[in-house]
Amino acid sequence: MRDMLYSEISNYYGIPNIPENPELAIQAGKNLCQLVLEPLQERLGRISIRSAYRSPEVNQFGNQNALGCSSNKRNASRHIWDQKDKNGCVGAMATVVVQGYIPYYEQTGDWKALAWYIHDNVPYSYMCFYPKLGAFNIGWHERPQRRIDSHVTPRGCLTKPGMENHSGTHSEAYLAMLKMHKNY
């Protein structure tokens, strides 16, 4: 939980990053870790947590000061683990980097290979990719969206339920990544 509570915003600006509802934060975080992050790490190697739990105060400050945080309403059951979303559902999200993926990403710029691999092999709810280090948000939710977005070219929605590319295997999109990856 220590890694999940660490916040650069919290530390730099002196805003406590402590859950208001520790039991709910632990429940959501445990599901994120056991169902999403640990399987991801087992398959692809070490992951680094860049951001995970945010208290409403830390998140609001980050949103109001253009520090890369969405609104509190949007981040309930995402980065704000101890608040249920508007439908009363529990969820948790972390921004991560897959260390073994960085060389492939730096050589190719191909974020979609990792996105499709996770889509086919890990029970995530939502992912959103960013340009730096191939970092991405990945979340667990009790009602998973199974949606992938990106701020990397091509930007926008890669897939979501109802899109033609959502079902089936996407292994052709990530075979080169797996060949380059040390664990494969």
Protein backbone atom coordinates (compact mmCIF):
# COMPACT_ATOMS: atom_id res chain seq x y z
CA MET A 1 0.00 0.00 0.00
CA ARG A 2 2.98 2.32 0.57
CA ASP A 3 3.74 2.43 -3.17
CA MET A 4 0.09 3.10 -3.92
CA LEU A 5 -0.17 6.04 -1.50
CA TYR A 6 2.97 7.81 -2.70
CA SER A 7 2.11 11.05 -4.51
CA GLU A 8 4.47 13.65 -5.92
CA ILE A 9 1.68 16.24 -5.66
CA SER A 10 1.08 15.32 -2.03
CA ASN A 11 4.77 15.46 -1.13
CA TYR A 12 5.64 18.62 -3.02
CA TYR A 13 2.60 20.66 -1.96
CA GLY A 14 2.16 19.18 1.53
CA ILE A 15 -1.34 17.81 0.96
CA PRO A 16 -2.05 14.59 2.89
CA ASN A 17 -2.80 11.60 0.66
CA ILE A 18 -4.68 9.46 3.18
CA PRO A 19 -7.87 7.53 2.38
CA GLU A 20 -11.05 8.82 4.04
CA ASN A 21 -12.44 5.27 3.87
CA PRO A 22 -9.44 2.96 4.37
CA GLU A 23 -11.50 -0.24 4.19
CA LEU A 24 -12.91 0.66 0.76
CA ALA A 25 -9.50 1.82 -0.50
CA ILE A 26 -7.92 -1.46 0.64
CA GLN A 27 -10.71 -3.53 -0.94
CA ALA A 28 -10.42 -1.71 -4.27
CA GLY A 29 -6.61 -1.69 -4.21
CA LYS A 30 -6.45 -5.38 -3.36
CA ASN A 31 -8.61 -6.21 -6.38
CA LEU A 32 -6.50 -3.98 -8.62
CA CYS A 33 -3.32 -5.68 -7.42
CA GLN A 34 -4.49 -9.29 -7.36
CA LEU A 35 -6.61 -9.29 -10.50
CA VAL A 36 -4.76 -6.84 -12.77
CA LEU A 37 -1.30 -5.72 -11.67
CA GLU A 38 0.08 -9.02 -10.37
CA PRO A 39 -0.99 -10.99 -13.48
CA LEU A 40 0.50 -8.23 -15.63
CA GLN A 41 3.78 -8.39 -13.71
CA GLU A 42 3.83 -12.22 -13.81
CA ARG A 43 3.52 -12.16 -17.61
CA LEU A 44 5.67 -9.15 -18.54
CA GLY A 45 8.04 -8.59 -15.62
CA ARG A 46 8.57 -5.68 -13.25
CA ILE A 47 6.09 -2.82 -13.31
CA SER A 48 6.65 0.58 -11.74
CA ILE A 49 3.83 2.52 -10.13
CA ARG A 50 3.90 6.19 -11.19
CA SER A 51 0.60 7.17 -9.56
CA ALA A 52 -2.16 5.21 -7.88
CA TYR A 53 -4.43 6.24 -4.99
CA ARG A 54 -5.22 9.95 -4.70
CA SER A 55 -7.17 11.54 -1.88
CA PRO A 56 -9.96 13.83 -3.08
CA GLU A 57 -7.91 16.83 -1.90
CA VAL A 58 -4.77 15.76 -3.79
CA ASN A 59 -6.76 14.94 -6.91
CA GLN A 60 -8.73 18.20 -6.82
CA PHE A 61 -5.52 20.21 -6.40
CA GLY A 62 -3.95 18.31 -9.31
CA ASN A 63 -7.01 18.97 -11.47
CA GLN A 64 -7.27 22.67 -10.63
CA ASN A 65 -3.54 23.24 -11.23
CA ALA A 66 -3.22 21.29 -14.52
CA LEU A 67 -1.07 18.56 -12.97
CA GLY A 68 -2.59 15.71 -14.99
CA CYS A 69 -5.57 14.81 -12.79
CA SER A 70 -9.16 14.50 -14.00
CA SER A 71 -12.01 15.87 -11.89
CA ASN A 72 -12.92 14.20 -8.62
CA LYS A 73 -16.24 13.12 -10.12
CA ARG A 74 -14.46 11.39 -13.01
CA ASN A 75 -11.80 9.85 -10.74
CA ALA A 76 -14.21 8.33 -8.18
CA SER A 77 -13.57 4.55 -8.30
CA ARG A 78 -10.52 5.26 -10.46
CA HIS A 79 -7.63 7.11 -8.78
CA ILE A 80 -9.88 7.93 -5.81
CA TRP A 81 -10.26 4.36 -4.62
CA ASP A 82 -12.29 5.12 -1.50
CA GLN A 83 -15.19 6.73 -3.36
CA LYS A 84 -17.74 4.75 -5.32
CA ASP A 85 -18.68 5.99 -8.78
CA LYS A 86 -22.05 7.53 -9.69
CA ASN A 87 -23.51 4.00 -10.03
CA GLY A 88 -22.34 2.93 -6.57
CA CYS A 89 -19.54 0.73 -7.91
CA VAL A 90 -16.03 0.15 -6.55
CA GLY A 91 -12.87 0.47 -8.61
CA ALA A 92 -9.19 1.39 -8.52
CA MET A 93 -6.63 2.61 -11.03
CA ALA A 94 -2.88 3.05 -11.22
CA THR A 95 -0.54 4.69 -13.71
CA VAL A 96 2.19 2.16 -14.46
CA VAL A 97 5.23 1.50 -16.62
CA VAL A 98 6.17 -2.03 -17.71
CA GLN A 99 9.97 -1.90 -17.44
CA GLY A 100 10.65 -4.63 -20.01
CA TYR A 101 8.41 -2.89 -22.55
CA ILE A 102 10.38 0.39 -22.57
CA PRO A 103 13.05 -0.74 -25.13
CA TYR A 104 10.37 -1.96 -27.55
CA TYR A 105 8.34 1.23 -27.13
CA GLU A 106 11.40 3.47 -27.57
CA GLN A 107 12.37 1.66 -30.79
CA THR A 108 8.91 1.42 -32.31
CA GLY A 109 6.58 3.92 -30.61
CA ASP A 110 4.02 1.11 -30.75
CA TRP A 111 1.75 1.49 -27.73
CA LYS A 112 -0.97 -0.65 -29.32
CA ALA A 113 1.09 -3.86 -28.99
CA LEU A 114 1.00 -3.64 -25.19
CA ALA A 115 -2.62 -2.49 -25.20
CA TRP A 116 -3.77 -5.48 -27.25
CA TYR A 117 -1.65 -7.90 -25.22
CA ILE A 118 -3.26 -6.75 -21.99
CA HIS A 119 -6.70 -6.72 -23.62
CA ASP A 120 -6.27 -10.39 -24.59
CA ASN A 121 -4.62 -11.59 -21.36
CA VAL A 122 -5.49 -9.47 -18.29
CA PRO A 123 -8.97 -8.71 -16.84
CA TYR A 124 -8.64 -4.89 -16.87
CA SER A 125 -11.51 -2.41 -16.87
CA TYR A 126 -9.95 0.63 -18.52
CA MET A 127 -6.61 1.65 -20.01
CA CYS A 128 -5.29 4.96 -21.28
CA PHE A 129 -1.79 5.33 -22.78
CA TYR A 130 0.58 8.31 -22.50
CA PRO A 131 3.68 9.22 -24.54
CA LYS A 132 6.34 9.21 -21.79
CA LEU A 133 7.94 5.75 -21.25
CA GLY A 134 4.83 4.06 -22.61
CA ALA A 135 3.15 4.77 -19.26
CA PHE A 136 -0.54 4.01 -19.01
CA ASN A 137 -3.46 4.04 -16.64
CA ILE A 138 -4.89 0.62 -15.94
CA GLY A 139 -7.84 -0.07 -13.72
CA TRP A 140 -9.95 -2.71 -12.09
CA HIS A 141 -13.69 -2.09 -11.64
CA GLU A 142 -16.51 -4.29 -10.43
CA ARG A 143 -18.33 -3.44 -13.70
CA PRO A 144 -15.44 -3.43 -16.19
CA GLN A 145 -15.63 -1.14 -19.22
CA ARG A 146 -13.01 -3.02 -21.28
CA ARG A 147 -12.09 0.24 -23.03
CA ILE A 148 -8.69 1.44 -24.29
CA ASP A 149 -7.91 5.11 -24.99
CA SER A 150 -4.68 6.88 -25.86
CA HIS A 151 -3.01 10.28 -25.79
CA VAL A 152 -0.35 8.84 -28.11
CA THR A 153 -0.80 8.92 -31.90
CA PRO A 154 -3.20 7.64 -33.07
CA ARG A 155 -5.13 9.36 -30.28
CA GLY A 156 -8.59 8.43 -29.15
CA CYS A 157 -10.37 5.16 -28.53
CA LEU A 158 -8.63 1.99 -29.70
CA THR A 159 -11.47 -0.27 -28.63
CA LYS A 160 -14.56 -0.55 -26.48
CA PRO A 161 -17.53 -2.92 -26.36
CA GLY A 162 -19.52 -2.69 -29.56
CA MET A 163 -16.55 -1.90 -31.78
CA GLU A 164 -15.77 -4.48 -34.45
CA ASN A 165 -12.18 -4.94 -33.19
CA HIS A 166 -13.15 -5.58 -29.55
CA SER A 167 -13.54 -9.37 -29.57
CA GLY A 168 -11.30 -12.18 -30.77
CA THR A 169 -7.55 -12.45 -30.53
CA HIS A 170 -5.17 -9.65 -31.38
CA SER A 171 -1.96 -11.66 -31.14
CA GLU A 172 -0.68 -10.46 -34.51
CA ALA A 173 -0.48 -6.96 -33.01
CA TYR A 174 1.90 -7.99 -30.21
CA LEU A 175 3.99 -10.91 -31.52
CA ALA A 176 6.97 -8.65 -32.32
CA MET A 177 6.79 -7.16 -28.82
CA LEU A 178 6.81 -10.62 -27.24
CA LYS A 179 9.77 -11.74 -29.36
CA MET A 180 11.76 -8.74 -28.18
CA HIS A 181 10.67 -9.08 -24.57
CA LYS A 182 13.19 -10.87 -22.33
CA ASN A 183 10.59 -13.07 -20.67
CA TYR A 184 9.52 -14.68 -23.94
